[in-house]
Protein backbone atom coordinates (compact mmCIF):
# COMPACT_ATOMS: atom_id res chain seq x y z
CA CYS A 1 3.53 7.27 23.92
CA ALA A 2 -0.01 7.33 22.47
CA ALA A 3 0.34 11.01 21.52
CA ALA A 4 3.58 10.28 19.65
CA LEU A 5 1.88 7.45 17.74
CA VAL A 6 -1.04 9.66 16.74
CA VAL A 7 1.24 12.46 15.56
CA THR A 8 3.32 9.97 13.59
CA ALA A 9 0.31 8.36 11.92
CA VAL A 10 -1.26 11.69 11.02
CA GLY A 11 2.08 12.93 9.67
CA ALA A 12 2.84 9.79 7.67
CA GLN A 13 -0.56 9.57 5.98
CA ALA A 14 0.33 6.39 4.13
CA GLN A 15 -1.66 3.48 2.81
CA ALA A 16 -4.05 1.68 5.16
CA THR A 17 -1.33 0.57 7.58
CA GLY A 18 0.75 3.74 7.52
CA THR A 19 3.36 2.49 5.03
CA PRO A 20 4.17 3.58 1.44
CA SER A 21 2.92 0.30 -0.07
CA PHE A 22 0.73 0.76 -3.17
CA ASN A 23 -1.17 -1.56 -5.54
CA ALA A 24 -1.03 -2.26 -9.26
CA PRO A 25 -4.39 -2.13 -11.08
CA ASN A 26 -4.31 -5.84 -12.04
CA ARG A 27 -4.04 -8.68 -9.60
CA ALA A 28 -1.32 -11.23 -10.24
CA PHE A 29 -3.19 -14.17 -8.70
CA GLU A 30 -6.29 -16.22 -9.41
CA LYS A 31 -7.19 -17.47 -5.90
CA HIS A 32 -4.95 -15.81 -3.32
CA GLU A 33 -1.49 -14.51 -2.47
CA PHE A 34 0.59 -13.98 0.65
CA GLY A 35 3.90 -12.36 1.36
CA ALA A 36 6.00 -9.89 3.30
CA THR A 37 6.63 -6.17 2.91
CA PHE A 38 9.51 -4.08 4.24
CA SER A 39 9.13 -0.30 4.14
CA LEU A 40 11.31 2.72 4.81
CA PRO A 41 8.78 5.52 5.25
CA SER A 42 10.25 9.02 5.22
CA GLY A 43 9.66 11.23 8.23
CA ALA A 44 9.31 10.00 11.80
CA PRO A 45 8.86 6.23 11.20
CA GLU A 46 12.17 4.39 10.80
CA TRP A 47 10.94 1.12 9.28
CA ALA A 48 7.94 -1.17 8.97
CA ALA A 49 7.65 -4.93 8.44
CA GLU A 50 4.30 -6.46 7.46
CA GLY A 51 2.76 -9.74 6.49
CA GLN A 52 -0.05 -9.73 3.94
CA PHE A 53 -2.75 -12.01 2.60
CA ARG A 54 -5.06 -11.28 -0.35
CA PHE A 55 -7.90 -13.31 -1.78
CA ALA A 56 -10.03 -12.98 -4.91
CA HIS A 57 -13.77 -12.56 -5.09
CA ASN A 58 -15.10 -12.19 -8.67
CA LYS A 59 -13.58 -8.96 -10.11
CA PHE A 60 -12.55 -7.78 -6.66
CA ASP A 61 -9.86 -8.78 -4.22
CA ILE A 62 -9.50 -8.09 -0.53
CA GLY A 63 -6.20 -7.78 1.31
CA LEU A 64 -5.36 -8.02 5.01
CA LYS A 65 -2.11 -6.61 6.38
CA GLY A 66 -0.48 -6.53 9.76
CA GLY A 67 2.92 -5.92 11.24
CA LEU A 68 5.20 -3.61 13.18
CA LEU A 69 6.12 0.03 12.69
CA SER A 70 9.22 1.41 14.40
CA VAL A 71 8.96 5.09 15.33
CA ASP A 72 11.68 7.50 16.45
CA ALA A 73 10.15 9.10 19.54
CA GLY A 74 12.64 11.76 20.60
CA GLY A 75 15.81 9.72 20.26
CA THR A 76 14.37 6.37 21.35
CA SER A 77 12.68 3.84 19.10
CA GLU A 78 9.16 2.68 19.86
CA THR A 79 7.55 -0.20 17.98
CA SER A 80 3.80 -0.31 17.45
CA LEU A 81 1.30 -2.71 15.93
CA ILE A 82 -0.25 -1.77 12.58
CA LEU A 83 -3.31 -3.47 11.04
CA GLY A 84 -5.23 -2.80 7.84
CA ALA A 85 -7.53 -4.03 5.11
CA GLU A 86 -7.70 -3.00 1.45
CA GLY A 87 -10.05 -3.72 -1.40
CA ARG A 88 -9.28 -3.49 -5.12
CA GLY A 89 -11.82 -3.52 -7.91
CA GLY A 90 -11.06 -3.25 -11.61
CA VAL A 91 -12.98 -0.47 -13.37
CA LEU A 92 -11.26 -0.27 -16.79
CA GLN A 93 -9.36 -2.67 -19.00
CA HIS A 94 -6.98 -1.35 -21.66
CA SER A 95 -8.39 -1.03 -25.16
CA GLU A 96 -7.68 0.79 -28.41
CA SER A 97 -9.29 3.93 -27.01
CA PHE A 98 -7.60 3.83 -23.55
CA PRO A 99 -4.11 2.31 -23.13
CA LEU A 100 -4.20 1.56 -19.36
CA ASP A 101 -5.92 -0.72 -16.88
CA ALA A 102 -7.55 1.00 -13.88
CA ALA A 103 -8.72 -0.15 -10.46
CA VAL A 104 -10.28 1.60 -7.48
CA ILE A 105 -8.37 0.99 -4.24
CA VAL A 106 -9.97 1.66 -0.82
CA GLY A 107 -8.87 0.70 2.66
CA ILE A 108 -8.88 1.26 6.38
CA GLY A 109 -6.12 0.79 8.90
CA THR A 110 -4.98 1.60 12.39
CA GLN A 111 -1.85 2.12 14.39
CA GLU A 112 -2.36 0.74 17.92
CA PHE A 113 -6.09 1.64 17.60
CA ASP A 114 -5.15 5.26 18.51
CA SER A 115 -5.24 6.64 14.98
CA TRP A 116 -7.00 5.58 11.80
CA LEU A 117 -6.22 5.97 8.09
CA ILE A 118 -8.75 5.68 5.27
CA PRO A 119 -7.14 5.77 1.79
CA GLY A 120 -9.06 5.84 -1.48
CA GLY A 121 -7.43 6.03 -4.89
CA LEU A 122 -7.24 4.98 -8.50
CA SER A 123 -4.41 2.74 -9.72
CA LEU A 124 -3.46 3.16 -13.39
CA GLY A 125 -1.00 0.90 -15.24
CA ARG A 126 -0.62 -2.00 -17.61
CA ARG A 127 1.27 -5.31 -17.77
CA VAL A 128 4.27 -5.28 -20.11
CA ASP A 129 5.57 -8.61 -21.48
CA LEU A 130 9.09 -8.67 -22.93
CA ASP A 131 10.15 -12.15 -24.09
CA GLY A 132 9.54 -13.96 -20.82
CA PHE A 133 10.05 -10.91 -18.58
CA SER A 134 6.80 -9.44 -17.26
CA PHE A 135 6.15 -6.37 -15.12
CA VAL A 136 3.41 -3.84 -14.33
CA PRO A 137 4.42 -0.17 -13.98
CA TYR A 138 1.70 1.93 -12.34
CA ALA A 139 0.74 5.20 -10.67
CA GLN A 140 -1.79 5.50 -7.85
CA PRO A 141 -3.09 8.98 -6.95
CA THR A 142 -4.79 8.66 -3.56
CA LEU A 143 -6.75 10.75 -1.05
CA PHE A 144 -6.15 10.01 2.65
CA ILE A 145 -8.39 10.71 5.61
CA ALA A 146 -6.44 10.53 8.87
CA THR A 147 -8.06 10.69 12.30
CA GLY A 148 -6.44 10.69 15.70
CA GLY A 149 -5.87 12.94 18.69
CA GLY A 150 -9.12 14.78 18.02
CA ASN A 151 -7.99 15.83 14.51
CA THR A 152 -9.18 14.79 11.07
CA ASP A 153 -7.09 15.65 8.02
CA LEU A 154 -7.51 15.13 4.28
CA ASN A 155 -4.34 14.81 2.17
CA PHE A 156 -3.28 13.77 -1.32
CA GLY A 157 -0.46 11.40 -2.20
CA LEU A 158 0.93 9.75 -5.31
CA GLY A 159 2.34 6.25 -5.38
CA LEU A 160 4.61 5.07 -8.20
CA GLY A 161 5.48 1.42 -8.47
CA ALA A 162 6.25 -1.69 -10.44
CA ASP A 163 5.38 -5.35 -9.88
CA PHE A 164 7.87 -7.83 -11.38
CA LYS A 165 7.05 -11.47 -12.11
CA VAL A 166 10.07 -13.40 -10.78
CA GLY A 167 8.84 -16.94 -11.41
CA GLU A 168 5.64 -18.88 -11.94
CA ALA A 169 4.44 -18.17 -8.41
CA LEU A 170 6.60 -15.29 -7.15
CA ASP A 171 6.32 -11.51 -7.50
CA LEU A 172 8.74 -8.77 -6.45
CA ARG A 173 6.99 -5.45 -5.87
CA ALA A 174 8.40 -1.99 -5.26
CA SER A 175 6.59 1.30 -4.70
CA PHE A 176 7.53 4.84 -3.81
CA GLY A 177 5.27 7.52 -2.31
CA LEU A 178 5.31 11.27 -2.93
CA PHE A 179 3.58 14.48 -1.74
CA ASP A 180 1.51 14.85 1.45
CA GLY A 181 0.46 11.22 1.47
CA PRO A 182 2.65 8.14 1.79
CA GLU A 183 6.30 9.09 1.35
CA GLY A 184 9.14 6.60 1.26
CA LEU A 185 10.02 3.24 -0.26
CA SER A 186 8.35 -0.17 0.08
CA VAL A 187 9.48 -3.58 -1.21
CA SER A 188 7.42 -6.80 -1.13
CA LEU A 189 8.03 -10.44 -1.97
CA VAL A 190 4.74 -12.22 -2.64
CA TRP A 191 3.78 -15.84 -3.43
CA VAL A 192 0.82 -15.96 -5.82
CA ARG A 193 -1.58 -18.82 -6.49
């Protein structure tokens, strides 16, 4: 069981918790946010469901995530606990000379404390306002260090996503992962304050 979890985590190489959930460069909240994420990672994991909480600290914000990851282990499904933390810090704001906002994203996460993921990337995007409809398209190239089972690997992934403002205090977020990093689809519904 533990060997299957390590192989799955090293193969998935996703964001801090092993899911293809990425972050826009700008935060949508002033104080904090909380919500739920459902992911369909490609490869061995079948699905993941997570709760999340993020809080602001000056120009930075810190996020905590936790949930369940269902893994196909040779024809039977095994569910494991996933935990992670992420930090986001803005490094650029759009201007006449550069059209995008940018933030550094770093994190650490574990799957059943048998394997660990350490992602670090740069999120690039910008909020678009269209007569009351607001969204943030973004791209997040990310390097991933994965350890488990005596192995350490370094991989690259690219996350593409969009955060949609649904109401005054509600965001709908979708992201998709490509390459050797986090592959698959993730959708979140988040209450912002």
